[in-house]
Amino acid sequence: MGALPARDQGATMASAEIDSGICGFCTTVRTKMDGRVVRLEFETTCGYVENLAEQLTEVDPYREISYRGEGPVTLRLAAEHLVHPACPVPSGILKAIEVEAGLALPKDASIKPKKD
């Protein structure tokens, strides 16, 4: 594994606000580098995400950005705890991890399904 980018210890933590859509549940994930791991904190109105959050407390950011090997812990735990595969929360978690670790720039992403 390569070295993580240098981080200012006083820097603010990365976060993602996730509106899950028609279910009406909202989740905020906050991330903070701590050595070589990213620690995660959650606020959510979804019981399934609460269960996920209990297990997903820290990750190695380099393992989270690839499907190689066992793939991201975030997605494996999401498959165990969430009931809807199209839930955008796991993607939002991964984005916050990437930004906090300096592996991506913060930029909004969106999914806008419609039926014509």
N, C-alpha and C. Protein backbone atom coordinates (compact mmCIF):
# COMPACT_ATOMS: atom_id res chain seq x y z
N MET A 1 0.83 -1.18 0.00
CA MET A 1 0.00 0.00 0.00
C MET A 1 0.87 1.24 0.00
N GLY A 2 0.46 2.25 -0.76
CA GLY A 2 1.18 3.51 -0.78
C GLY A 2 0.87 4.34 0.44
N ALA A 3 1.65 5.38 0.60
CA ALA A 3 1.41 6.29 1.73
C ALA A 3 0.17 7.12 1.47
N LEU A 4 -0.56 7.39 2.52
CA LEU A 4 -1.72 8.27 2.40
C LEU A 4 -1.24 9.70 2.24
N PRO A 5 -2.00 10.52 1.51
CA PRO A 5 -1.62 11.93 1.37
C PRO A 5 -1.55 12.60 2.74
N ALA A 6 -0.61 13.54 2.88
CA ALA A 6 -0.47 14.26 4.15
C ALA A 6 -1.75 15.04 4.42
N ARG A 7 -2.18 15.03 5.68
CA ARG A 7 -3.40 15.73 6.07
C ARG A 7 -3.11 16.67 7.22
N ASP A 8 -3.70 17.82 7.19
CA ASP A 8 -3.62 18.78 8.29
C ASP A 8 -4.50 18.26 9.42
N GLN A 9 -3.91 17.97 10.56
CA GLN A 9 -4.66 17.40 11.68
C GLN A 9 -5.80 18.31 12.15
N GLY A 10 -5.69 19.63 11.89
CA GLY A 10 -6.74 20.54 12.30
C GLY A 10 -7.81 20.72 11.24
N ALA A 11 -7.66 20.05 10.10
CA ALA A 11 -8.60 20.21 8.99
C ALA A 11 -9.98 19.68 9.38
N THR A 12 -10.99 20.23 8.73
CA THR A 12 -12.34 19.75 8.97
C THR A 12 -12.51 18.37 8.36
N MET A 13 -13.48 17.65 8.86
CA MET A 13 -13.73 16.31 8.32
C MET A 13 -14.62 16.40 7.09
N ALA A 14 -14.49 15.43 6.22
CA ALA A 14 -15.36 15.34 5.05
C ALA A 14 -16.70 14.75 5.48
N SER A 15 -17.74 15.12 4.77
CA SER A 15 -19.06 14.57 5.06
C SER A 15 -19.86 14.44 3.78
N ALA A 16 -20.94 13.68 3.85
CA ALA A 16 -21.87 13.56 2.74
C ALA A 16 -23.28 13.54 3.30
N GLU A 17 -24.14 14.37 2.74
CA GLU A 17 -25.56 14.35 3.08
C GLU A 17 -26.27 13.58 1.99
N ILE A 18 -26.99 12.54 2.39
CA ILE A 18 -27.58 11.62 1.43
C ILE A 18 -29.10 11.58 1.63
N ASP A 19 -29.82 12.04 0.62
CA ASP A 19 -31.29 11.96 0.60
C ASP A 19 -31.62 10.73 -0.24
N SER A 20 -32.16 9.72 0.39
CA SER A 20 -32.34 8.43 -0.28
C SER A 20 -33.52 8.39 -1.25
N GLY A 21 -34.30 9.45 -1.34
CA GLY A 21 -35.35 9.48 -2.34
C GLY A 21 -36.71 9.15 -1.79
N ILE A 22 -37.43 8.29 -2.50
CA ILE A 22 -38.83 8.03 -2.24
C ILE A 22 -39.08 7.43 -0.85
N CYS A 23 -38.10 6.75 -0.28
CA CYS A 23 -38.30 6.19 1.06
C CYS A 23 -38.38 7.29 2.11
N GLY A 24 -37.82 8.46 1.80
CA GLY A 24 -37.88 9.59 2.72
C GLY A 24 -36.80 9.61 3.78
N PHE A 25 -35.90 8.64 3.78
CA PHE A 25 -34.85 8.59 4.79
C PHE A 25 -33.65 9.44 4.36
N CYS A 26 -33.04 10.08 5.34
CA CYS A 26 -31.85 10.90 5.10
C CYS A 26 -30.73 10.42 6.00
N THR A 27 -29.53 10.49 5.48
CA THR A 27 -28.34 10.07 6.22
C THR A 27 -27.24 11.10 6.02
N THR A 28 -26.53 11.41 7.08
CA THR A 28 -25.31 12.20 6.99
C THR A 28 -24.19 11.33 7.51
N VAL A 29 -23.13 11.22 6.73
CA VAL A 29 -21.94 10.49 7.17
C VAL A 29 -20.81 11.50 7.29
N ARG A 30 -20.07 11.42 8.39
CA ARG A 30 -18.90 12.27 8.61
C ARG A 30 -17.68 11.36 8.72
N THR A 31 -16.60 11.78 8.08
CA THR A 31 -15.40 10.95 8.04
C THR A 31 -14.21 11.74 8.54
N LYS A 32 -13.25 11.04 9.14
CA LYS A 32 -12.06 11.69 9.67
C LYS A 32 -10.87 10.74 9.56
N MET A 33 -9.79 11.21 8.93
CA MET A 33 -8.56 10.42 8.87
C MET A 33 -8.00 10.27 10.27
N ASP A 34 -7.54 9.07 10.58
CA ASP A 34 -6.89 8.79 11.86
C ASP A 34 -5.76 7.82 11.55
N GLY A 35 -4.60 8.37 11.28
CA GLY A 35 -3.48 7.53 10.83
C GLY A 35 -3.75 7.02 9.43
N ARG A 36 -3.81 5.71 9.28
CA ARG A 36 -4.03 5.10 7.97
C ARG A 36 -5.47 4.65 7.76
N VAL A 37 -6.36 4.97 8.69
CA VAL A 37 -7.77 4.58 8.55
C VAL A 37 -8.65 5.82 8.54
N VAL A 38 -9.83 5.65 7.98
CA VAL A 38 -10.86 6.69 8.04
C VAL A 38 -11.91 6.22 9.03
N ARG A 39 -12.20 7.05 10.00
CA ARG A 39 -13.25 6.77 10.98
C ARG A 39 -14.55 7.39 10.50
N LEU A 40 -15.67 6.71 10.75
CA LEU A 40 -16.97 7.16 10.26
C LEU A 40 -17.96 7.37 11.40
N GLU A 41 -18.76 8.42 11.26
CA GLU A 41 -19.87 8.71 12.18
C GLU A 41 -21.11 8.94 11.32
N PHE A 42 -22.26 8.50 11.82
CA PHE A 42 -23.50 8.59 11.06
C PHE A 42 -24.61 9.27 11.85
N GLU A 43 -25.45 10.00 11.13
CA GLU A 43 -26.76 10.44 11.61
C GLU A 43 -27.73 9.97 10.54
N THR A 44 -28.78 9.26 10.94
CA THR A 44 -29.70 8.73 9.94
C THR A 44 -31.10 8.57 10.51
N THR A 45 -32.06 8.60 9.63
CA THR A 45 -33.45 8.32 10.00
C THR A 45 -33.85 6.90 9.60
N CYS A 46 -32.91 6.13 9.06
CA CYS A 46 -33.18 4.77 8.59
C CYS A 46 -32.63 3.73 9.56
N GLY A 47 -33.48 2.84 10.02
CA GLY A 47 -33.05 1.79 10.94
C GLY A 47 -32.04 0.84 10.33
N TYR A 48 -32.17 0.56 9.04
CA TYR A 48 -31.22 -0.33 8.38
C TYR A 48 -29.84 0.30 8.31
N VAL A 49 -29.79 1.60 8.02
CA VAL A 49 -28.50 2.30 7.99
C VAL A 49 -27.92 2.38 9.40
N GLU A 50 -28.77 2.52 10.41
CA GLU A 50 -28.27 2.48 11.79
C GLU A 50 -27.55 1.18 12.07
N ASN A 51 -28.12 0.06 11.61
CA ASN A 51 -27.48 -1.24 11.79
C ASN A 51 -26.14 -1.30 11.05
N LEU A 52 -26.10 -0.77 9.84
CA LEU A 52 -24.86 -0.71 9.08
C LEU A 52 -23.83 0.13 9.83
N ALA A 53 -24.25 1.28 10.35
CA ALA A 53 -23.34 2.20 11.03
C ALA A 53 -22.69 1.56 12.26
N GLU A 54 -23.42 0.68 12.94
CA GLU A 54 -22.85 0.00 14.11
C GLU A 54 -21.64 -0.84 13.73
N GLN A 55 -21.63 -1.39 12.53
CA GLN A 55 -20.53 -2.23 12.07
C GLN A 55 -19.46 -1.46 11.31
N LEU A 56 -19.85 -0.38 10.65
CA LEU A 56 -18.95 0.37 9.78
C LEU A 56 -18.42 1.59 10.52
N THR A 57 -17.41 1.39 11.33
CA THR A 57 -16.87 2.47 12.16
C THR A 57 -15.53 2.99 11.66
N GLU A 58 -14.77 2.16 10.94
CA GLU A 58 -13.51 2.59 10.35
C GLU A 58 -13.16 1.71 9.17
N VAL A 59 -12.44 2.29 8.20
CA VAL A 59 -12.05 1.55 7.00
C VAL A 59 -10.66 2.00 6.55
N ASP A 60 -10.02 1.15 5.79
CA ASP A 60 -8.79 1.49 5.07
C ASP A 60 -9.24 2.11 3.75
N PRO A 61 -8.99 3.39 3.52
CA PRO A 61 -9.53 4.04 2.32
C PRO A 61 -9.06 3.41 1.00
N TYR A 62 -7.85 2.86 0.97
CA TYR A 62 -7.36 2.25 -0.27
C TYR A 62 -8.11 0.96 -0.61
N ARG A 63 -8.60 0.26 0.39
CA ARG A 63 -9.40 -0.95 0.13
C ARG A 63 -10.79 -0.58 -0.34
N GLU A 64 -11.26 0.60 0.02
CA GLU A 64 -12.62 1.02 -0.33
C GLU A 64 -12.74 1.51 -1.77
N ILE A 65 -11.62 1.82 -2.43
CA ILE A 65 -11.72 2.40 -3.78
C ILE A 65 -11.53 1.37 -4.88
N SER A 66 -11.55 0.08 -4.56
CA SER A 66 -11.34 -0.95 -5.57
C SER A 66 -12.23 -2.16 -5.32
N TYR A 67 -12.63 -2.81 -6.41
CA TYR A 67 -13.36 -4.07 -6.31
C TYR A 67 -12.41 -5.26 -6.22
N ARG A 68 -11.11 -5.02 -6.29
CA ARG A 68 -10.13 -6.11 -6.22
C ARG A 68 -10.17 -6.77 -4.85
N GLY A 69 -9.75 -8.02 -4.83
CA GLY A 69 -9.76 -8.76 -3.57
C GLY A 69 -11.19 -8.95 -3.09
N GLU A 70 -11.42 -8.65 -1.84
CA GLU A 70 -12.76 -8.81 -1.27
C GLU A 70 -13.66 -7.63 -1.57
N GLY A 71 -13.12 -6.58 -2.16
CA GLY A 71 -13.91 -5.40 -2.47
C GLY A 71 -14.10 -4.52 -1.25
N PRO A 72 -14.81 -3.42 -1.40
CA PRO A 72 -15.00 -2.49 -0.30
C PRO A 72 -15.80 -3.08 0.86
N VAL A 73 -15.30 -2.88 2.07
CA VAL A 73 -16.01 -3.30 3.28
C VAL A 73 -17.39 -2.63 3.31
N THR A 74 -17.44 -1.37 2.88
CA THR A 74 -18.71 -0.63 2.88
C THR A 74 -19.78 -1.39 2.10
N LEU A 75 -19.44 -1.88 0.92
CA LEU A 75 -20.43 -2.58 0.09
C LEU A 75 -20.77 -3.95 0.64
N ARG A 76 -19.79 -4.64 1.21
CA ARG A 76 -20.08 -5.95 1.81
C ARG A 76 -21.03 -5.81 2.99
N LEU A 77 -20.77 -4.83 3.85
CA LEU A 77 -21.65 -4.63 5.00
C LEU A 77 -23.02 -4.11 4.57
N ALA A 78 -23.04 -3.28 3.54
CA ALA A 78 -24.33 -2.79 3.02
C ALA A 78 -25.18 -3.96 2.55
N ALA A 79 -24.57 -4.93 1.89
CA ALA A 79 -25.32 -6.10 1.42
C ALA A 79 -25.89 -6.90 2.59
N GLU A 80 -25.22 -6.87 3.73
CA GLU A 80 -25.71 -7.58 4.92
C GLU A 80 -26.84 -6.84 5.63
N HIS A 81 -26.78 -5.51 5.64
CA HIS A 81 -27.68 -4.73 6.50
C HIS A 81 -28.80 -3.98 5.78
N LEU A 82 -28.59 -3.61 4.53
CA LEU A 82 -29.60 -2.83 3.82
C LEU A 82 -30.50 -3.76 3.02
N VAL A 83 -31.75 -3.36 2.81
CA VAL A 83 -32.70 -4.23 2.13
C VAL A 83 -32.92 -3.86 0.67
N HIS A 84 -32.51 -2.68 0.26
CA HIS A 84 -32.77 -2.22 -1.10
C HIS A 84 -31.46 -1.98 -1.83
N PRO A 85 -31.16 -2.77 -2.87
CA PRO A 85 -29.88 -2.65 -3.57
C PRO A 85 -29.65 -1.29 -4.24
N ALA A 86 -30.71 -0.56 -4.54
CA ALA A 86 -30.55 0.75 -5.19
C ALA A 86 -30.35 1.88 -4.18
N CYS A 87 -30.28 1.57 -2.90
CA CYS A 87 -30.07 2.60 -1.88
C CYS A 87 -28.78 3.37 -2.18
N PRO A 88 -28.84 4.70 -2.22
CA PRO A 88 -27.65 5.49 -2.54
C PRO A 88 -26.70 5.70 -1.36
N VAL A 89 -27.06 5.24 -0.17
CA VAL A 89 -26.23 5.49 1.00
C VAL A 89 -24.82 4.91 0.86
N PRO A 90 -24.64 3.66 0.42
CA PRO A 90 -23.27 3.15 0.30
C PRO A 90 -22.39 3.99 -0.64
N SER A 91 -22.95 4.47 -1.74
CA SER A 91 -22.16 5.32 -2.64
C SER A 91 -21.78 6.62 -1.97
N GLY A 92 -22.69 7.20 -1.21
CA GLY A 92 -22.39 8.43 -0.48
C GLY A 92 -21.31 8.22 0.57
N ILE A 93 -21.36 7.08 1.25
CA ILE A 93 -20.32 6.75 2.23
C ILE A 93 -18.97 6.67 1.54
N LEU A 94 -18.91 5.96 0.42
CA LEU A 94 -17.65 5.80 -0.30
C LEU A 94 -17.11 7.14 -0.78
N LYS A 95 -17.98 8.02 -1.25
CA LYS A 95 -17.55 9.35 -1.70
C LYS A 95 -16.93 10.13 -0.54
N ALA A 96 -17.57 10.10 0.63
CA ALA A 96 -17.04 10.82 1.79
C ALA A 96 -15.67 10.26 2.21
N ILE A 97 -15.52 8.94 2.16
CA ILE A 97 -14.24 8.31 2.49
C ILE A 97 -13.16 8.77 1.52
N GLU A 98 -13.46 8.75 0.22
CA GLU A 98 -12.50 9.18 -0.79
C GLU A 98 -12.06 10.63 -0.57
N VAL A 99 -13.02 11.51 -0.32
CA VAL A 99 -12.70 12.92 -0.12
C VAL A 99 -11.84 13.10 1.13
N GLU A 100 -12.21 12.46 2.21
CA GLU A 100 -11.44 12.60 3.46
C GLU A 100 -10.01 12.11 3.29
N ALA A 101 -9.82 11.03 2.54
CA ALA A 101 -8.48 10.46 2.35
C ALA A 101 -7.68 11.18 1.28
N GLY A 102 -8.26 12.18 0.63
CA GLY A 102 -7.55 12.89 -0.42
C GLY A 102 -7.49 12.13 -1.73
N LEU A 103 -8.40 11.17 -1.90
CA LEU A 103 -8.41 10.33 -3.11
C LEU A 103 -9.43 10.81 -4.13
N ALA A 104 -10.20 11.83 -3.79
CA ALA A 104 -11.18 12.43 -4.71
C ALA A 104 -11.46 13.84 -4.22
N LEU A 105 -11.90 14.68 -5.14
CA LEU A 105 -12.31 16.03 -4.80
C LEU A 105 -13.80 16.04 -4.46
N PRO A 106 -14.22 16.94 -3.56
CA PRO A 106 -15.64 17.01 -3.24
C PRO A 106 -16.44 17.59 -4.41
N LYS A 107 -17.41 16.85 -4.88
CA LYS A 107 -18.28 17.29 -5.98
C LYS A 107 -19.59 16.54 -5.83
N ASP A 108 -20.70 17.26 -5.96
CA ASP A 108 -22.01 16.61 -5.88
C ASP A 108 -22.17 15.56 -6.97
N ALA A 109 -22.86 14.50 -6.64
CA ALA A 109 -23.28 13.50 -7.59
C ALA A 109 -24.80 13.39 -7.48
N SER A 110 -25.45 12.96 -8.52
CA SER A 110 -26.91 12.85 -8.42
C SER A 110 -27.43 11.72 -9.30
N ILE A 111 -28.57 11.22 -8.91
CA ILE A 111 -29.33 10.23 -9.68
C ILE A 111 -30.72 10.80 -9.79
N LYS A 112 -31.22 10.95 -10.99
CA LYS A 112 -32.55 11.55 -11.18
C LYS A 112 -33.42 10.64 -12.03
N PRO A 113 -33.95 9.58 -11.43
CA PRO A 113 -34.80 8.69 -12.20
C PRO A 113 -36.14 9.36 -12.57
N LYS A 114 -36.62 9.02 -13.75
CA LYS A 114 -37.92 9.52 -14.16
C LYS A 114 -38.53 8.52 -15.13
N LYS A 115 -39.81 8.63 -15.30
CA LYS A 115 -40.53 7.76 -16.23
C LYS A 115 -41.27 8.67 -17.20
N ASP A 116 -40.93 8.58 -18.46
CA ASP A 116 -41.56 9.43 -19.49
C ASP A 116 -42.81 8.81 -20.04
